[in-house]
Amino acid sequence: MTTPVNLNRFRKAAARAGAKATAAENRVAFGRTKGEKALAETVRQKAARGLDGSKREP
């Protein structure tokens, strides 16, 4: 006779595998490293300084 199988264990394992796959897709689509975020912020700040520096006083 075989041992009983807990179907909840398999159902939860399948759900975890699906969540991991979704997370991997999101990391590729939306993930940026800390350095990339810092570089983008630096570029944004430089552009803002350049724009503010070229304003005329009324």
N, C-alpha and C. Protein backbone atom coordinates (compact mmCIF):
# COMPACT_ATOMS: atom_id res chain seq x y z
N MET A 1 0.84 -1.17 0.00
CA MET A 1 0.00 0.00 0.00
C MET A 1 0.89 1.25 0.00
N THR A 2 0.48 2.25 -0.73
CA THR A 2 1.28 3.47 -0.81
C THR A 2 0.92 4.41 0.33
N THR A 3 1.79 5.35 0.57
CA THR A 3 1.53 6.33 1.64
C THR A 3 0.62 7.43 1.10
N PRO A 4 -0.19 8.01 1.93
CA PRO A 4 -1.07 9.09 1.48
C PRO A 4 -0.26 10.32 1.07
N VAL A 5 -0.79 11.06 0.12
CA VAL A 5 -0.12 12.25 -0.41
C VAL A 5 -0.90 13.48 0.02
N ASN A 6 -0.21 14.45 0.53
CA ASN A 6 -0.84 15.70 0.93
C ASN A 6 -0.91 16.61 -0.29
N LEU A 7 -2.13 16.79 -0.82
CA LEU A 7 -2.29 17.59 -2.03
C LEU A 7 -2.03 19.08 -1.78
N ASN A 8 -2.24 19.53 -0.55
CA ASN A 8 -1.97 20.94 -0.24
C ASN A 8 -0.50 21.27 -0.45
N ARG A 9 0.37 20.34 -0.13
CA ARG A 9 1.80 20.56 -0.31
C ARG A 9 2.12 20.80 -1.78
N PHE A 10 1.55 20.01 -2.65
CA PHE A 10 1.81 20.15 -4.08
C PHE A 10 1.17 21.43 -4.63
N ARG A 11 -0.03 21.74 -4.15
CA ARG A 11 -0.71 22.95 -4.61
C ARG A 11 0.09 24.19 -4.20
N LYS A 12 0.58 24.19 -2.98
CA LYS A 12 1.37 25.33 -2.50
C LYS A 12 2.71 25.42 -3.23
N ALA A 13 3.31 24.28 -3.53
CA ALA A 13 4.57 24.28 -4.27
C ALA A 13 4.37 24.84 -5.67
N ALA A 14 3.26 24.51 -6.30
CA ALA A 14 2.97 25.03 -7.63
C ALA A 14 2.73 26.54 -7.57
N ALA A 15 2.05 27.00 -6.53
CA ALA A 15 1.82 28.43 -6.37
C ALA A 15 3.14 29.17 -6.16
N ARG A 16 4.03 28.60 -5.35
CA ARG A 16 5.35 29.24 -5.13
C ARG A 16 6.15 29.30 -6.42
N ALA A 17 6.09 28.23 -7.22
CA ALA A 17 6.82 28.22 -8.48
C ALA A 17 6.28 29.29 -9.43
N GLY A 18 4.98 29.45 -9.45
CA GLY A 18 4.38 30.50 -10.28
C GLY A 18 4.77 31.88 -9.81
N ALA A 19 4.81 32.08 -8.50
CA ALA A 19 5.20 33.38 -7.95
C ALA A 19 6.66 33.68 -8.26
N LYS A 20 7.51 32.65 -8.19
CA LYS A 20 8.92 32.86 -8.52
C LYS A 20 9.09 33.23 -9.98
N ALA A 21 8.33 32.61 -10.86
CA ALA A 21 8.42 32.93 -12.29
C ALA A 21 7.97 34.36 -12.55
N THR A 22 6.90 34.76 -11.91
CA THR A 22 6.41 36.14 -12.07
C THR A 22 7.43 37.14 -11.53
N ALA A 23 8.02 36.82 -10.39
CA ALA A 23 9.03 37.71 -9.81
C ALA A 23 10.24 37.84 -10.72
N ALA A 24 10.64 36.74 -11.34
CA ALA A 24 11.78 36.79 -12.25
C ALA A 24 11.48 37.68 -13.46
N GLU A 25 10.26 37.57 -13.98
CA GLU A 25 9.87 38.43 -15.11
C GLU A 25 9.85 39.89 -14.69
N ASN A 26 9.37 40.18 -13.50
CA ASN A 26 9.32 41.56 -13.02
C ASN A 26 10.72 42.12 -12.79
N ARG A 27 11.64 41.28 -12.30
CA ARG A 27 13.01 41.76 -12.11
C ARG A 27 13.63 42.17 -13.43
N VAL A 28 13.35 41.42 -14.47
CA VAL A 28 13.90 41.75 -15.79
C VAL A 28 13.23 43.02 -16.31
N ALA A 29 11.93 43.12 -16.15
CA ALA A 29 11.19 44.24 -16.73
C ALA A 29 11.41 45.54 -15.98
N PHE A 30 11.41 45.49 -14.65
CA PHE A 30 11.41 46.72 -13.86
C PHE A 30 12.65 46.92 -13.02
N GLY A 31 13.44 45.90 -12.84
CA GLY A 31 14.55 45.99 -11.91
C GLY A 31 15.70 46.83 -12.44
N ARG A 32 16.21 47.67 -11.60
CA ARG A 32 17.41 48.44 -11.90
C ARG A 32 18.32 48.33 -10.69
N THR A 33 19.61 48.34 -10.95
CA THR A 33 20.55 48.26 -9.85
C THR A 33 20.61 49.60 -9.13
N LYS A 34 21.20 49.60 -7.96
CA LYS A 34 21.33 50.82 -7.18
C LYS A 34 22.17 51.85 -7.94
N GLY A 35 23.20 51.40 -8.63
CA GLY A 35 24.04 52.29 -9.41
C GLY A 35 23.29 52.92 -10.56
N GLU A 36 22.45 52.14 -11.22
CA GLU A 36 21.66 52.69 -12.33
C GLU A 36 20.68 53.75 -11.83
N LYS A 37 20.06 53.49 -10.67
CA LYS A 37 19.14 54.47 -10.09
C LYS A 37 19.87 55.75 -9.71
N ALA A 38 21.06 55.61 -9.13
CA ALA A 38 21.84 56.78 -8.72
C ALA A 38 22.28 57.58 -9.94
N LEU A 39 22.68 56.89 -11.00
CA LEU A 39 23.09 57.58 -12.23
C LEU A 39 21.92 58.35 -12.83
N ALA A 40 20.74 57.75 -12.87
CA ALA A 40 19.56 58.42 -13.41
C ALA A 40 19.21 59.65 -12.57
N GLU A 41 19.32 59.53 -11.25
CA GLU A 41 19.03 60.67 -10.38
C GLU A 41 20.05 61.79 -10.59
N THR A 42 21.31 61.45 -10.77
CA THR A 42 22.35 62.46 -11.01
C THR A 42 22.10 63.18 -12.34
N VAL A 43 21.74 62.44 -13.36
CA VAL A 43 21.45 63.05 -14.66
C VAL A 43 20.24 63.97 -14.55
N ARG A 44 19.22 63.53 -13.81
CA ARG A 44 18.02 64.36 -13.63
C ARG A 44 18.35 65.65 -12.90
N GLN A 45 19.18 65.56 -11.85
CA GLN A 45 19.56 66.75 -11.09
C GLN A 45 20.38 67.70 -11.95
N LYS A 46 21.28 67.17 -12.77
CA LYS A 46 22.10 68.03 -13.63
C LYS A 46 21.23 68.76 -14.64
N ALA A 47 20.24 68.07 -15.20
CA ALA A 47 19.34 68.70 -16.15
C ALA A 47 18.53 69.80 -15.47
N ALA A 48 18.09 69.56 -14.25
CA ALA A 48 17.32 70.56 -13.51
C ALA A 48 18.18 71.78 -13.21
N ARG A 49 19.45 71.56 -12.83
CA ARG A 49 20.36 72.69 -12.57
C ARG A 49 20.59 73.50 -13.84
N GLY A 50 20.76 72.82 -14.95
CA GLY A 50 20.97 73.52 -16.21
C GLY A 50 19.77 74.33 -16.61
N LEU A 51 18.59 73.80 -16.39
CA LEU A 51 17.37 74.52 -16.71
C LEU A 51 17.20 75.72 -15.79
N ASP A 52 17.45 75.54 -14.49
CA ASP A 52 17.33 76.65 -13.55
C ASP A 52 18.39 77.72 -13.81
N GLY A 53 19.55 77.31 -14.26
CA GLY A 53 20.62 78.26 -14.51
C GLY A 53 20.37 79.13 -15.73
N SER A 54 19.50 78.70 -16.64
CA SER A 54 19.25 79.48 -17.83
C SER A 54 17.97 80.29 -17.76
N LYS A 55 17.39 80.38 -16.57
CA LYS A 55 16.17 81.19 -16.42
C LYS A 55 16.55 82.66 -16.37
N ARG A 56 15.66 83.46 -16.87
CA ARG A 56 15.86 84.91 -16.81
C ARG A 56 15.13 85.47 -15.61
N GLU A 57 15.67 86.50 -15.05
CA GLU A 57 14.99 87.19 -13.97
C GLU A 57 14.06 88.24 -14.57
N PRO A 58 12.86 88.36 -14.06
CA PRO A 58 11.90 89.35 -14.62
C PRO A 58 12.28 90.77 -14.32
